[in-house]
Structures are given as structure tokens and as C-alpha cells.
Amino acid sequence: MAALEAGKPRDPEALNLEMSGSEDELGINYSQRAQWLRAAVLGANDGLISVSSLMLGVGAVKQDVKSMILTGFAGMVAGACSMAIGEFVSVYSQKDIEVSQMKRQNEKENGKQSGDEGENEDLPNPFKAAAASALAFVVGAVVPLISASFIQSYKMRLGVVIAVASLALVMFGGLAAFLGKAPVKGSCLRMLIGGLLAMAITYGLTKLIGLAGV
């Protein structure tokens, strides 16, 4: 009987219940993890791609290392501020919506004015989200900045920035897939192809503008 039962296809609903039970036993909530994972991965990915593309764009028309580093640093600061403000506004709006919904639900069910302490702790935190996004952006942006800082050769500097950025993109994609229990290969490829396209487009268009004498 055991052998026959082992050969039978598993019921999808039973599998879902079994997986949910395993998740509860491990104390892991992947839906909650996805919220901060999204902000962290997007922030690091944006920092890496944006600053790498900016540095390559400047490198298309200027060969000195100082111009690339200054451009990259300015892009890192501006991008981190932009990420923090955007995430703060977005998460704060989400929090307001959830608080309003909790109040309406509680008033409808038992006349309470607000949710209990446990519910309030589960609400999104705009300040943490903003700080996480800014920090993640800086972490991604530092990668091309450091890789180009000590290389004086123009062509070698461009090559190193592209190579290091590509490696970091693959690592970020793999980390995101591992933490989110998603396919690693697909995540890495998406990160890598998207980043390389952004760098190539920025370099190519800036080169064209430089050749046009604008």
C-alpha cells in the first residue's frame, strides 16, 4: 500500500497546505520578506546600473578618471536621495491606506477606533523603507566607483567598470532569487541583460552626441 500511495500524484491543495505548514514551522513569511527584499534589490540594482551607466557615458567623451569619479559620486548621492524620498512617499501612502482600512474594519465589527498594538506593529514603516532604499542604492553605486578609482588607463578603466558591474549584477540577481526562493538562473540573466543594455545605450548615445560636437 505504501508503494502504491508513493506512486500516486500528489493533490495540489495538499501540497500547498504542506508547504504553508512547513513555512509556519520555520517561522519564515516570504510575503513579508518580499517587501523589504524588493526595496533592497531594486535599490542596489538601480545604484549599480545608474552609476555604471553615468560613468561610462562620461567616459565616452572624456578620458580622465576625475570626470568619471565625480560624475559617479554625484549620481550616487542624487540617486540615493531620490530613492529614499520616492520610497518614503510610496510606503507612507500605503501605510495611510492600511490604517484607514483597519479603522473602517474595526468600527464595522466592534466599534474600536483603531487597530491593536500587534496590528500597528505590522504596518509598513516609511522611515525604514527610505533608509533601506538609500543604503541599498549606495551599496550598488560604490561598486563601479571603487573599481574605477585606481585605474589610470582609459580603456582598461572602461573594461573594468563593465566587468565588475556585470559580476555584481549576477550576484545581486542570485541573492534576490535565493532569498525569495525563486529560480536563480532567470533572475541572474534578467539582471545582467538589463544592466548591460542600460550601459550600452548610455555609452552609445553619449558617444554620438560627443561626435556631433554638441
N, C-alpha and C. Protein backbone atom coordinates (compact mmCIF):
# COMPACT_ATOMS: atom_id res chain seq x y z
N MET A 1 0.82 -1.21 0.00
CA MET A 1 0.00 0.00 0.00
C MET A 1 0.85 1.25 0.00
N ALA A 2 1.91 1.22 0.79
CA ALA A 2 2.79 2.39 0.85
C ALA A 2 3.42 2.67 -0.50
N ALA A 3 3.79 1.58 -1.21
CA ALA A 3 4.41 1.76 -2.51
C ALA A 3 3.42 2.33 -3.49
N LEU A 4 2.13 1.83 -3.43
CA LEU A 4 1.12 2.35 -4.34
C LEU A 4 0.83 3.81 -4.06
N GLU A 5 0.74 4.19 -2.78
CA GLU A 5 0.47 5.58 -2.43
C GLU A 5 1.62 6.48 -2.85
N ALA A 6 2.85 5.95 -2.78
CA ALA A 6 4.00 6.76 -3.17
C ALA A 6 3.99 7.07 -4.65
N GLY A 7 3.39 6.16 -5.46
CA GLY A 7 3.37 6.39 -6.89
C GLY A 7 2.25 7.26 -7.36
N LYS A 8 1.29 7.57 -6.47
CA LYS A 8 0.16 8.40 -6.86
C LYS A 8 0.55 9.86 -6.93
N PRO A 9 -0.03 10.65 -7.88
CA PRO A 9 0.25 12.09 -7.93
C PRO A 9 -0.30 12.79 -6.70
N ARG A 10 0.43 13.76 -6.20
CA ARG A 10 0.03 14.49 -5.01
C ARG A 10 -1.05 15.52 -5.36
N ASP A 11 -1.99 15.68 -4.46
CA ASP A 11 -3.04 16.68 -4.62
C ASP A 11 -2.44 18.07 -4.48
N PRO A 12 -2.65 18.99 -5.46
CA PRO A 12 -2.07 20.33 -5.37
C PRO A 12 -2.46 21.07 -4.11
N GLU A 13 -3.74 20.90 -3.68
CA GLU A 13 -4.17 21.59 -2.47
C GLU A 13 -3.44 21.05 -1.25
N ALA A 14 -3.22 19.73 -1.24
CA ALA A 14 -2.49 19.15 -0.12
C ALA A 14 -1.05 19.63 -0.10
N LEU A 15 -0.45 19.77 -1.29
CA LEU A 15 0.91 20.28 -1.36
C LEU A 15 1.00 21.71 -0.85
N ASN A 16 0.02 22.54 -1.22
CA ASN A 16 0.02 23.92 -0.75
C ASN A 16 -0.10 23.99 0.76
N LEU A 17 -0.99 23.15 1.32
CA LEU A 17 -1.14 23.13 2.78
C LEU A 17 0.13 22.66 3.45
N GLU A 18 0.78 21.65 2.84
CA GLU A 18 2.02 21.13 3.41
C GLU A 18 3.11 22.18 3.39
N MET A 19 3.22 22.93 2.27
CA MET A 19 4.23 23.97 2.15
C MET A 19 3.95 25.10 3.13
N SER A 20 2.68 25.45 3.29
CA SER A 20 2.33 26.51 4.23
C SER A 20 2.67 26.10 5.65
N GLY A 21 2.41 24.79 5.96
CA GLY A 21 2.74 24.32 7.28
C GLY A 21 4.23 24.34 7.53
N SER A 22 5.03 23.96 6.50
CA SER A 22 6.49 23.99 6.64
C SER A 22 6.98 25.40 6.84
N GLU A 23 6.36 26.35 6.12
CA GLU A 23 6.75 27.75 6.25
C GLU A 23 6.48 28.26 7.65
N ASP A 24 5.31 27.86 8.21
CA ASP A 24 4.97 28.29 9.56
C ASP A 24 5.94 27.71 10.57
N GLU A 25 6.31 26.42 10.38
CA GLU A 25 7.22 25.77 11.30
C GLU A 25 8.59 26.44 11.29
N LEU A 26 9.03 26.87 10.12
CA LEU A 26 10.33 27.52 10.01
C LEU A 26 10.28 28.97 10.46
N GLY A 27 9.09 29.52 10.60
CA GLY A 27 8.97 30.91 11.03
C GLY A 27 9.31 31.89 9.94
N ILE A 28 9.18 31.49 8.68
CA ILE A 28 9.53 32.35 7.56
C ILE A 28 8.27 32.79 6.85
N ASN A 29 8.13 34.09 6.65
CA ASN A 29 7.00 34.64 5.92
C ASN A 29 7.54 35.29 4.65
N TYR A 30 7.44 34.56 3.52
CA TYR A 30 8.04 35.05 2.29
C TYR A 30 7.31 36.25 1.71
N SER A 31 6.03 36.42 2.03
CA SER A 31 5.32 37.60 1.55
C SER A 31 5.85 38.86 2.23
N GLN A 32 6.13 38.77 3.54
CA GLN A 32 6.71 39.92 4.23
C GLN A 32 8.14 40.15 3.80
N ARG A 33 8.88 39.04 3.61
CA ARG A 33 10.27 39.17 3.17
C ARG A 33 10.34 39.86 1.81
N ALA A 34 9.36 39.60 0.95
CA ALA A 34 9.37 40.18 -0.39
C ALA A 34 9.30 41.70 -0.36
N GLN A 35 8.68 42.28 0.67
CA GLN A 35 8.55 43.73 0.75
C GLN A 35 9.91 44.41 0.90
N TRP A 36 10.69 43.97 1.91
CA TRP A 36 12.00 44.62 2.09
C TRP A 36 12.99 44.13 1.06
N LEU A 37 12.80 42.89 0.56
CA LEU A 37 13.71 42.37 -0.46
C LEU A 37 13.57 43.17 -1.75
N ARG A 38 12.33 43.52 -2.09
CA ARG A 38 12.10 44.31 -3.30
C ARG A 38 12.83 45.64 -3.23
N ALA A 39 12.68 46.34 -2.10
CA ALA A 39 13.32 47.64 -1.95
C ALA A 39 14.84 47.52 -1.97
N ALA A 40 15.37 46.51 -1.28
CA ALA A 40 16.82 46.35 -1.20
C ALA A 40 17.43 45.99 -2.55
N VAL A 41 16.82 45.03 -3.23
CA VAL A 41 17.37 44.59 -4.51
C VAL A 41 17.22 45.66 -5.57
N LEU A 42 16.05 46.31 -5.63
CA LEU A 42 15.86 47.38 -6.60
C LEU A 42 16.80 48.54 -6.33
N GLY A 43 17.01 48.86 -5.05
CA GLY A 43 17.91 49.95 -4.72
C GLY A 43 19.33 49.66 -5.14
N ALA A 44 19.83 48.47 -4.80
CA ALA A 44 21.20 48.10 -5.17
C ALA A 44 21.35 47.99 -6.68
N ASN A 45 20.36 47.41 -7.33
CA ASN A 45 20.40 47.27 -8.78
C ASN A 45 20.39 48.62 -9.47
N ASP A 46 19.53 49.53 -9.00
CA ASP A 46 19.48 50.88 -9.57
C ASP A 46 20.79 51.62 -9.35
N GLY A 47 21.34 51.50 -8.15
CA GLY A 47 22.61 52.17 -7.87
C GLY A 47 23.72 51.68 -8.77
N LEU A 48 23.79 50.38 -8.93
CA LEU A 48 24.84 49.79 -9.76
C LEU A 48 24.69 50.20 -11.22
N ILE A 49 23.48 50.04 -11.76
CA ILE A 49 23.27 50.32 -13.18
C ILE A 49 23.36 51.82 -13.47
N SER A 50 22.73 52.64 -12.62
CA SER A 50 22.71 54.09 -12.86
C SER A 50 24.12 54.68 -12.83
N VAL A 51 24.87 54.36 -11.79
CA VAL A 51 26.20 54.95 -11.66
C VAL A 51 27.17 54.37 -12.69
N SER A 52 27.08 53.08 -12.96
CA SER A 52 27.92 52.49 -14.01
C SER A 52 27.63 53.13 -15.36
N SER A 53 26.35 53.31 -15.67
CA SER A 53 25.97 53.92 -16.95
C SER A 53 26.43 55.37 -17.03
N LEU A 54 26.28 56.12 -15.94
CA LEU A 54 26.75 57.50 -15.92
C LEU A 54 28.25 57.59 -16.16
N MET A 55 29.00 56.73 -15.48
CA MET A 55 30.45 56.74 -15.62
C MET A 55 30.87 56.37 -17.03
N LEU A 56 30.20 55.39 -17.62
CA LEU A 56 30.52 55.00 -18.99
C LEU A 56 30.10 56.08 -19.97
N GLY A 57 28.98 56.75 -19.69
CA GLY A 57 28.55 57.83 -20.56
C GLY A 57 29.55 58.97 -20.58
N VAL A 58 30.03 59.36 -19.40
CA VAL A 58 31.07 60.39 -19.35
C VAL A 58 32.35 59.89 -19.98
N GLY A 59 32.66 58.60 -19.74
CA GLY A 59 33.86 58.02 -20.34
C GLY A 59 33.82 57.98 -21.85
N ALA A 60 32.63 58.07 -22.43
CA ALA A 60 32.52 58.06 -23.88
C ALA A 60 33.05 59.35 -24.51
N VAL A 61 33.08 60.44 -23.72
CA VAL A 61 33.53 61.73 -24.26
C VAL A 61 34.73 62.31 -23.51
N LYS A 62 34.97 61.82 -22.28
CA LYS A 62 36.11 62.30 -21.50
C LYS A 62 36.89 61.11 -20.98
N GLN A 63 38.21 61.17 -21.12
CA GLN A 63 39.02 60.02 -20.77
C GLN A 63 39.67 60.12 -19.40
N ASP A 64 39.59 61.27 -18.74
CA ASP A 64 40.26 61.40 -17.44
C ASP A 64 39.43 60.74 -16.34
N VAL A 65 40.13 60.17 -15.38
CA VAL A 65 39.48 59.44 -14.30
C VAL A 65 38.70 60.37 -13.38
N LYS A 66 39.15 61.61 -13.23
CA LYS A 66 38.49 62.54 -12.32
C LYS A 66 37.05 62.82 -12.75
N SER A 67 36.84 63.00 -14.03
CA SER A 67 35.49 63.27 -14.52
C SER A 67 34.55 62.10 -14.26
N MET A 68 35.06 60.87 -14.45
CA MET A 68 34.23 59.70 -14.23
C MET A 68 33.87 59.54 -12.75
N ILE A 69 34.86 59.76 -11.87
CA ILE A 69 34.62 59.58 -10.44
C ILE A 69 33.65 60.64 -9.92
N LEU A 70 33.85 61.90 -10.33
CA LEU A 70 32.97 62.98 -9.88
C LEU A 70 31.53 62.75 -10.37
N THR A 71 31.40 62.31 -11.60
CA THR A 71 30.08 62.03 -12.15
C THR A 71 29.42 60.88 -11.40
N GLY A 72 30.21 59.83 -11.15
CA GLY A 72 29.67 58.70 -10.43
C GLY A 72 29.26 59.05 -9.01
N PHE A 73 30.07 59.86 -8.34
CA PHE A 73 29.75 60.26 -6.97
C PHE A 73 28.48 61.11 -6.92
N ALA A 74 28.38 62.07 -7.85
CA ALA A 74 27.18 62.90 -7.91
C ALA A 74 25.94 62.05 -8.19
N GLY A 75 26.10 61.08 -9.08
CA GLY A 75 24.98 60.19 -9.37
C GLY A 75 24.59 59.35 -8.18
N MET A 76 25.58 58.92 -7.40
CA MET A 76 25.30 58.12 -6.20
C MET A 76 24.51 58.92 -5.17
N VAL A 77 24.94 60.16 -4.90
CA VAL A 77 24.24 60.99 -3.91
C VAL A 77 22.83 61.34 -4.38
N ALA A 78 22.72 61.77 -5.62
CA ALA A 78 21.41 62.15 -6.15
C ALA A 78 20.47 60.95 -6.21
N GLY A 79 20.99 59.81 -6.62
CA GLY A 79 20.16 58.62 -6.72
C GLY A 79 19.70 58.11 -5.37
N ALA A 80 20.60 58.15 -4.38
CA ALA A 80 20.23 57.70 -3.03
C ALA A 80 19.14 58.59 -2.44
N CYS A 81 19.26 59.89 -2.64
CA CYS A 81 18.23 60.82 -2.15
C CYS A 81 16.91 60.57 -2.86
N SER A 82 16.97 60.37 -4.16
CA SER A 82 15.75 60.13 -4.94
C SER A 82 15.07 58.83 -4.51
N MET A 83 15.86 57.78 -4.31
CA MET A 83 15.30 56.51 -3.87
C MET A 83 14.64 56.63 -2.50
N ALA A 84 15.32 57.33 -1.58
CA ALA A 84 14.79 57.48 -0.22
C ALA A 84 13.48 58.24 -0.22
N ILE A 85 13.44 59.35 -0.95
CA ILE A 85 12.22 60.16 -0.99
C ILE A 85 11.08 59.40 -1.67
N GLY A 86 11.39 58.76 -2.79
CA GLY A 86 10.36 58.01 -3.50
C GLY A 86 9.80 56.87 -2.67
N GLU A 87 10.68 56.13 -1.99
CA GLU A 87 10.23 55.01 -1.17
C GLU A 87 9.43 55.50 0.04
N PHE A 88 9.87 56.62 0.62
CA PHE A 88 9.17 57.18 1.78
C PHE A 88 7.75 57.56 1.41
N VAL A 89 7.60 58.29 0.31
CA VAL A 89 6.27 58.72 -0.12
C VAL A 89 5.39 57.52 -0.46
N SER A 90 5.96 56.55 -1.16
CA SER A 90 5.19 55.38 -1.56
C SER A 90 4.72 54.56 -0.36
N VAL A 91 5.65 54.28 0.56
CA VAL A 91 5.31 53.46 1.73
C VAL A 91 4.38 54.21 2.67
N TYR A 92 4.57 55.53 2.79
CA TYR A 92 3.68 56.31 3.66
C TYR A 92 2.26 56.29 3.12
N SER A 93 2.12 56.37 1.81
CA SER A 93 0.78 56.29 1.21
C SER A 93 0.16 54.92 1.47
N GLN A 94 0.98 53.87 1.35
CA GLN A 94 0.49 52.53 1.64
C GLN A 94 0.06 52.40 3.10
N LYS A 95 0.85 53.00 4.00
CA LYS A 95 0.52 52.95 5.42
C LYS A 95 -0.80 53.67 5.70
N ASP A 96 -0.99 54.83 5.11
CA ASP A 96 -2.24 55.58 5.31
C ASP A 96 -3.44 54.77 4.85
N ILE A 97 -3.29 54.08 3.72
CA ILE A 97 -4.39 53.27 3.20
C ILE A 97 -4.71 52.12 4.15
N GLU A 98 -3.66 51.46 4.66
CA GLU A 98 -3.88 50.34 5.56
C GLU A 98 -4.49 50.78 6.89
N VAL A 99 -4.03 51.93 7.41
CA VAL A 99 -4.59 52.45 8.66
C VAL A 99 -6.06 52.78 8.50
N SER A 100 -6.39 53.43 7.39
CA SER A 100 -7.80 53.77 7.14
C SER A 100 -8.65 52.51 7.01
N GLN A 101 -8.11 51.51 6.35
CA GLN A 101 -8.86 50.26 6.19
C GLN A 101 -9.05 49.56 7.54
N MET A 102 -8.01 49.59 8.38
CA MET A 102 -8.13 48.98 9.71
C MET A 102 -9.18 49.69 10.55
N LYS A 103 -9.22 51.02 10.48
CA LYS A 103 -10.21 51.78 11.25
C LYS A 103 -11.61 51.46 10.78
N ARG A 104 -11.81 51.42 9.48
CA ARG A 104 -13.14 51.11 8.95
C ARG A 104 -13.57 49.70 9.35
N GLN A 105 -12.63 48.75 9.28
CA GLN A 105 -12.95 47.36 9.62
C GLN A 105 -13.28 47.21 11.09
N ASN A 106 -12.49 47.85 11.94
CA ASN A 106 -12.73 47.75 13.38
C ASN A 106 -14.03 48.42 13.80
N GLU A 107 -14.32 49.59 13.21
CA GLU A 107 -15.57 50.28 13.53
C GLU A 107 -16.77 49.47 13.07
N LYS A 108 -16.61 48.79 11.96
CA LYS A 108 -17.71 47.98 11.43
C LYS A 108 -17.95 46.75 12.29
N GLU A 109 -16.87 46.13 12.78
CA GLU A 109 -17.02 44.87 13.52
C GLU A 109 -17.37 45.07 14.98
N ASN A 110 -16.58 45.95 15.68
CA ASN A 110 -16.81 46.06 17.12
C ASN A 110 -16.67 47.47 17.66
N GLY A 111 -16.70 48.47 16.80
CA GLY A 111 -16.71 49.84 17.25
C GLY A 111 -15.39 50.38 17.76
N LYS A 112 -14.28 49.65 17.58
CA LYS A 112 -12.99 50.16 18.01
C LYS A 112 -12.56 51.30 17.11
N GLN A 113 -11.77 52.21 17.68
CA GLN A 113 -11.32 53.36 16.90
C GLN A 113 -10.09 53.06 16.08
N SER A 114 -9.26 52.14 16.54
CA SER A 114 -8.04 51.82 15.80
C SER A 114 -7.66 50.38 16.07
N GLY A 115 -6.68 49.88 15.33
CA GLY A 115 -6.22 48.53 15.50
C GLY A 115 -5.44 48.37 16.78
N ASP A 116 -5.25 47.11 17.20
CA ASP A 116 -4.49 46.88 18.41
C ASP A 116 -3.01 47.04 18.17
N GLU A 117 -2.21 46.86 19.23
CA GLU A 117 -0.77 47.11 19.12
C GLU A 117 -0.10 46.17 18.14
N GLY A 118 -0.55 44.91 18.11
CA GLY A 118 0.04 43.95 17.19
C GLY A 118 -0.19 44.34 15.75
N GLU A 119 -1.39 44.84 15.45
CA GLU A 119 -1.69 45.27 14.09
C GLU A 119 -0.83 46.46 13.70
N ASN A 120 -0.66 47.41 14.64
CA ASN A 120 0.14 48.59 14.33
C ASN A 120 1.60 48.24 14.06
N GLU A 121 2.11 47.21 14.74
CA GLU A 121 3.49 46.80 14.51
C GLU A 121 3.68 46.21 13.12
N ASP A 122 2.62 45.67 12.55
CA ASP A 122 2.71 45.06 11.23
C ASP A 122 2.58 46.07 10.10
N LEU A 123 2.30 47.33 10.42
CA LEU A 123 2.14 48.35 9.39
C LEU A 123 3.49 48.68 8.75
N PRO A 124 3.48 49.09 7.47
CA PRO A 124 4.72 49.47 6.81
C PRO A 124 5.39 50.65 7.52
N ASN A 125 6.72 50.65 7.54
CA ASN A 125 7.49 51.73 8.18
C ASN A 125 8.17 52.58 7.11
N PRO A 126 7.66 53.79 6.83
CA PRO A 126 8.23 54.61 5.75
C PRO A 126 9.70 54.98 5.99
N PHE A 127 10.07 55.25 7.25
CA PHE A 127 11.44 55.66 7.53
C PHE A 127 12.43 54.52 7.29
N LYS A 128 12.05 53.32 7.72
CA LYS A 128 12.93 52.18 7.49
C LYS A 128 13.05 51.87 6.00
N ALA A 129 11.92 51.97 5.31
CA ALA A 129 11.95 51.69 3.87
C ALA A 129 12.81 52.70 3.13
N ALA A 130 12.71 53.98 3.52
CA ALA A 130 13.52 55.02 2.88
C ALA A 130 15.00 54.80 3.15
N ALA A 131 15.33 54.50 4.41
CA ALA A 131 16.74 54.27 4.76
C ALA A 131 17.30 53.05 4.04
N ALA A 132 16.49 51.98 3.97
CA ALA A 132 16.94 50.76 3.29
C ALA A 132 17.18 51.00 1.81
N SER A 133 16.29 51.75 1.17
CA SER A 133 16.44 52.03 -0.26
C SER A 133 17.67 52.88 -0.54
N ALA A 134 17.89 53.92 0.28
CA ALA A 134 19.06 54.78 0.09
C ALA A 134 20.35 54.00 0.32
N LEU A 135 20.39 53.19 1.38
CA LEU A 135 21.58 52.41 1.68
C LEU A 135 21.87 51.40 0.58
N ALA A 136 20.81 50.74 0.11
CA ALA A 136 20.99 49.75 -0.95
C ALA A 136 21.51 50.41 -2.22
N PHE A 137 21.00 51.61 -2.55
CA PHE A 137 21.47 52.32 -3.73
C PHE A 137 22.96 52.64 -3.61
N VAL A 138 23.37 53.11 -2.43
CA VAL A 138 24.78 53.44 -2.20
C VAL A 138 25.65 52.19 -2.34
N VAL A 139 25.19 51.07 -1.80
CA VAL A 139 25.96 49.82 -1.90
C VAL A 139 26.19 49.45 -3.35
N GLY A 140 25.13 49.56 -4.17
CA GLY A 140 25.29 49.26 -5.58
C GLY A 140 26.16 50.26 -6.30
N ALA A 141 26.05 51.54 -5.95
CA ALA A 141 26.81 52.58 -6.64
C ALA A 141 28.29 52.54 -6.30
N VAL A 142 28.62 52.10 -5.10
CA VAL A 142 30.03 52.06 -4.68
C VAL A 142 30.84 51.09 -5.53
N VAL A 143 30.21 50.06 -6.05
CA VAL A 143 30.92 49.02 -6.81
C VAL A 143 31.67 49.60 -8.01
N PRO A 144 31.01 50.30 -8.94
CA PRO A 144 31.76 50.87 -10.07
C PRO A 144 32.69 52.01 -9.66
N LEU A 145 32.31 52.76 -8.62
CA LEU A 145 33.18 53.85 -8.17
C LEU A 145 34.53 53.33 -7.70
N ILE A 146 34.51 52.33 -6.87
CA ILE A 146 35.77 51.77 -6.36
C ILE A 146 36.57 51.10 -7.47
N SER A 147 35.86 50.40 -8.34
CA SER A 147 36.57 49.67 -9.41
C SER A 147 37.31 50.59 -10.36
N ALA A 148 36.84 51.83 -10.53
CA ALA A 148 37.47 52.75 -11.48
C ALA A 148 38.44 53.73 -10.82
N SER A 149 38.46 53.79 -9.51
CA SER A 149 39.20 54.85 -8.81
C SER A 149 40.72 54.73 -8.97
N PHE A 150 41.22 53.53 -9.11
CA PHE A 150 42.67 53.34 -9.08
C PHE A 150 43.25 52.92 -10.43
N ILE A 151 42.47 53.11 -11.49
CA ILE A 151 42.93 52.71 -12.82
C ILE A 151 43.09 53.95 -13.69
N GLN A 152 44.29 54.21 -14.13
CA GLN A 152 44.56 55.39 -14.94
C GLN A 152 44.35 55.15 -16.43
N SER A 153 44.57 53.92 -16.88
CA SER A 153 44.40 53.61 -18.30
C SER A 153 42.93 53.72 -18.68
N TYR A 154 42.66 54.51 -19.70
CA TYR A 154 41.27 54.79 -20.10
C TYR A 154 40.53 53.53 -20.52
N LYS A 155 41.08 52.78 -21.47
CA LYS A 155 40.40 51.60 -21.98
C LYS A 155 40.26 50.52 -20.91
N MET A 156 41.31 50.35 -20.11
CA MET A 156 41.24 49.36 -19.04
C MET A 156 40.19 49.75 -18.01
N ARG A 157 40.07 51.05 -17.73
CA ARG A 157 39.10 51.54 -16.76
C ARG A 157 37.68 51.22 -17.22
N LEU A 158 37.39 51.47 -18.49
CA LEU A 158 36.06 51.16 -19.02
C LEU A 158 35.78 49.66 -18.94
N GLY A 159 36.77 48.86 -19.31
CA GLY A 159 36.60 47.42 -19.27
C GLY A 159 36.35 46.90 -17.86
N VAL A 160 37.09 47.45 -16.90
CA VAL A 160 36.94 47.01 -15.51
C VAL A 160 35.56 47.38 -14.97
N VAL A 161 35.11 48.59 -15.29
CA VAL A 161 33.78 49.01 -14.83
C VAL A 161 32.70 48.07 -15.38
N ILE A 162 32.79 47.75 -16.65
CA ILE A 162 31.80 46.85 -17.26
C ILE A 162 31.88 45.46 -16.65
N ALA A 163 33.10 44.94 -16.48
CA ALA A 163 33.27 43.59 -15.94
C ALA A 163 32.79 43.50 -14.49
N VAL A 164 33.19 44.46 -13.67
CA VAL A 164 32.80 44.43 -12.26
C VAL A 164 31.30 44.63 -12.11
N ALA A 165 30.73 45.54 -12.90
CA ALA A 165 29.28 45.77 -12.84
C ALA A 165 28.52 44.51 -13.26
N SER A 166 29.01 43.82 -14.29
CA SER A 166 28.35 42.59 -14.75
C SER A 166 28.38 41.52 -13.68
N LEU A 167 29.54 41.36 -13.03
CA LEU A 167 29.65 40.37 -11.97
C LEU A 167 28.72 40.71 -10.80
N ALA A 168 28.66 41.97 -10.45
CA ALA A 168 27.78 42.39 -9.35
C ALA A 168 26.32 42.18 -9.70
N LEU A 169 25.95 42.43 -10.95
CA LEU A 169 24.56 42.21 -11.38
C LEU A 169 24.17 40.74 -11.23
N VAL A 170 25.07 39.86 -11.61
CA VAL A 170 24.80 38.43 -11.47
C VAL A 170 24.66 38.05 -10.00
N MET A 171 25.53 38.62 -9.16
CA MET A 171 25.47 38.33 -7.72
C MET A 171 24.17 38.84 -7.10
N PHE A 172 23.76 40.06 -7.46
CA PHE A 172 22.51 40.61 -6.94
C PHE A 172 21.32 39.77 -7.39
N GLY A 173 21.35 39.35 -8.65
CA GLY A 173 20.26 38.52 -9.16
C GLY A 173 20.20 37.18 -8.44
N GLY A 174 21.36 36.58 -8.19
CA GLY A 174 21.39 35.32 -7.47
C GLY A 174 20.95 35.46 -6.04
N LEU A 175 21.36 36.55 -5.38
CA LEU A 175 20.96 36.78 -3.99
C LEU A 175 19.46 36.99 -3.87
N ALA A 176 18.91 37.76 -4.79
CA ALA A 176 17.46 38.01 -4.78
C ALA A 176 16.69 36.72 -4.97
N ALA A 177 17.16 35.88 -5.89
CA ALA A 177 16.47 34.62 -6.14
C ALA A 177 16.59 33.68 -4.95
N PHE A 178 17.75 33.64 -4.32
CA PHE A 178 17.95 32.76 -3.17
C PHE A 178 17.08 33.15 -1.99
N LEU A 179 17.05 34.43 -1.67
CA LEU A 179 16.26 34.89 -0.52
C LEU A 179 14.76 34.79 -0.79
N GLY A 180 14.36 34.98 -2.05
CA GLY A 180 12.95 34.91 -2.38
C GLY A 180 12.48 33.56 -2.86
N LYS A 181 13.37 32.55 -2.82
CA LYS A 181 13.02 31.20 -3.26
C LYS A 181 12.51 31.19 -4.69
N ALA A 182 13.22 31.90 -5.57
CA ALA A 182 12.86 31.98 -6.99
C ALA A 182 13.97 31.33 -7.82
N PRO A 183 13.72 31.03 -9.11
CA PRO A 183 14.75 30.45 -9.97
C PRO A 183 15.96 31.37 -10.09
N VAL A 184 17.14 30.83 -9.81
CA VAL A 184 18.36 31.64 -9.77
C VAL A 184 18.80 32.06 -11.18
N LYS A 185 18.78 31.12 -12.11
CA LYS A 185 19.28 31.40 -13.46
C LYS A 185 18.52 32.53 -14.13
N GLY A 186 17.20 32.48 -14.07
CA GLY A 186 16.40 33.51 -14.71
C GLY A 186 16.62 34.87 -14.09
N SER A 187 16.72 34.92 -12.77
CA SER A 187 16.94 36.19 -12.08
C SER A 187 18.28 36.79 -12.46
N CYS A 188 19.31 35.97 -12.51
CA CYS A 188 20.65 36.45 -12.86
C CYS A 188 20.69 36.98 -14.29
N LEU A 189 20.05 36.25 -15.20
CA LEU A 189 20.05 36.67 -16.61
C LEU A 189 19.30 37.98 -16.79
N ARG A 190 18.17 38.14 -16.11
CA ARG A 190 17.42 39.39 -16.23
C ARG A 190 18.24 40.57 -15.74
N MET A 191 18.88 40.40 -14.60
CA MET A 191 19.71 41.46 -14.05
C MET A 191 20.85 41.81 -15.01
N LEU A 192 21.54 40.80 -15.50
CA LEU A 192 22.71 41.02 -16.34
C LEU A 192 22.34 41.67 -17.67
N ILE A 193 21.34 41.12 -18.34
CA ILE A 193 20.95 41.65 -19.65
C ILE A 193 20.43 43.08 -19.53
N GLY A 194 19.59 43.33 -18.53
CA GLY A 194 19.07 44.68 -18.34
C GLY A 194 20.16 45.68 -18.05
N GLY A 195 21.11 45.31 -17.19
CA GLY A 195 22.21 46.22 -16.86
C GLY A 195 23.11 46.51 -18.04
N LEU A 196 23.45 45.47 -18.80
CA LEU A 196 24.32 45.66 -19.96
C LEU A 196 23.64 46.52 -21.03
N LEU A 197 22.35 46.33 -21.21
CA LEU A 197 21.62 47.17 -22.17
C LEU A 197 21.64 48.64 -21.75
N ALA A 198 21.41 48.88 -20.46
CA ALA A 198 21.41 50.27 -19.98
C ALA A 198 22.78 50.92 -20.17
N MET A 199 23.85 50.19 -19.85
CA MET A 199 25.19 50.75 -20.01
C MET A 199 25.53 50.97 -21.48
N ALA A 200 25.14 50.02 -22.33
CA ALA A 200 25.44 50.16 -23.76
C ALA A 200 24.69 51.33 -24.39
N ILE A 201 23.42 51.48 -24.04
CA ILE A 201 22.62 52.58 -24.60
C ILE A 201 23.17 53.93 -24.14
N THR A 202 23.50 54.04 -22.86
CA THR A 202 24.03 55.30 -22.34
C THR A 202 25.35 55.65 -23.00
N TYR A 203 26.24 54.68 -23.09
CA TYR A 203 27.55 54.92 -23.72
C TYR A 203 27.37 55.30 -25.19
N GLY A 204 26.52 54.56 -25.91
CA GLY A 204 26.37 54.79 -27.34
C GLY A 204 25.77 56.14 -27.65
N LEU A 205 24.71 56.52 -26.95
CA LEU A 205 24.08 57.80 -27.22
C LEU A 205 24.98 58.98 -26.84
N THR A 206 25.68 58.85 -25.71
CA THR A 206 26.60 59.92 -25.32
C THR A 206 27.76 60.04 -26.30
N LYS A 207 28.22 58.92 -26.80
CA LYS A 207 29.29 58.94 -27.81
C LYS A 207 28.84 59.66 -29.07
N LEU A 208 27.60 59.39 -29.48
CA LEU A 208 27.06 60.03 -30.68
C LEU A 208 26.96 61.54 -30.50
N ILE A 209 26.50 61.96 -29.32
CA ILE A 209 26.39 63.39 -29.04
C ILE A 209 27.78 64.03 -29.03
N GLY A 210 28.76 63.30 -28.45
CA GLY A 210 30.12 63.84 -28.44
C GLY A 210 30.69 63.96 -29.84
N LEU A 211 30.44 62.99 -30.70
CA LEU A 211 30.93 63.05 -32.07
C LEU A 211 30.25 64.16 -32.86
N ALA A 212 28.99 64.46 -32.49
CA ALA A 212 28.27 65.52 -33.19
C ALA A 212 28.73 66.90 -32.76
N GLY A 213 29.57 66.95 -31.73
CA GLY A 213 30.10 68.24 -31.28
C GLY A 213 29.14 69.07 -30.49
N VAL A 214 28.12 68.44 -29.87
CA VAL A 214 27.14 69.18 -29.07
C VAL A 214 27.76 69.59 -27.75
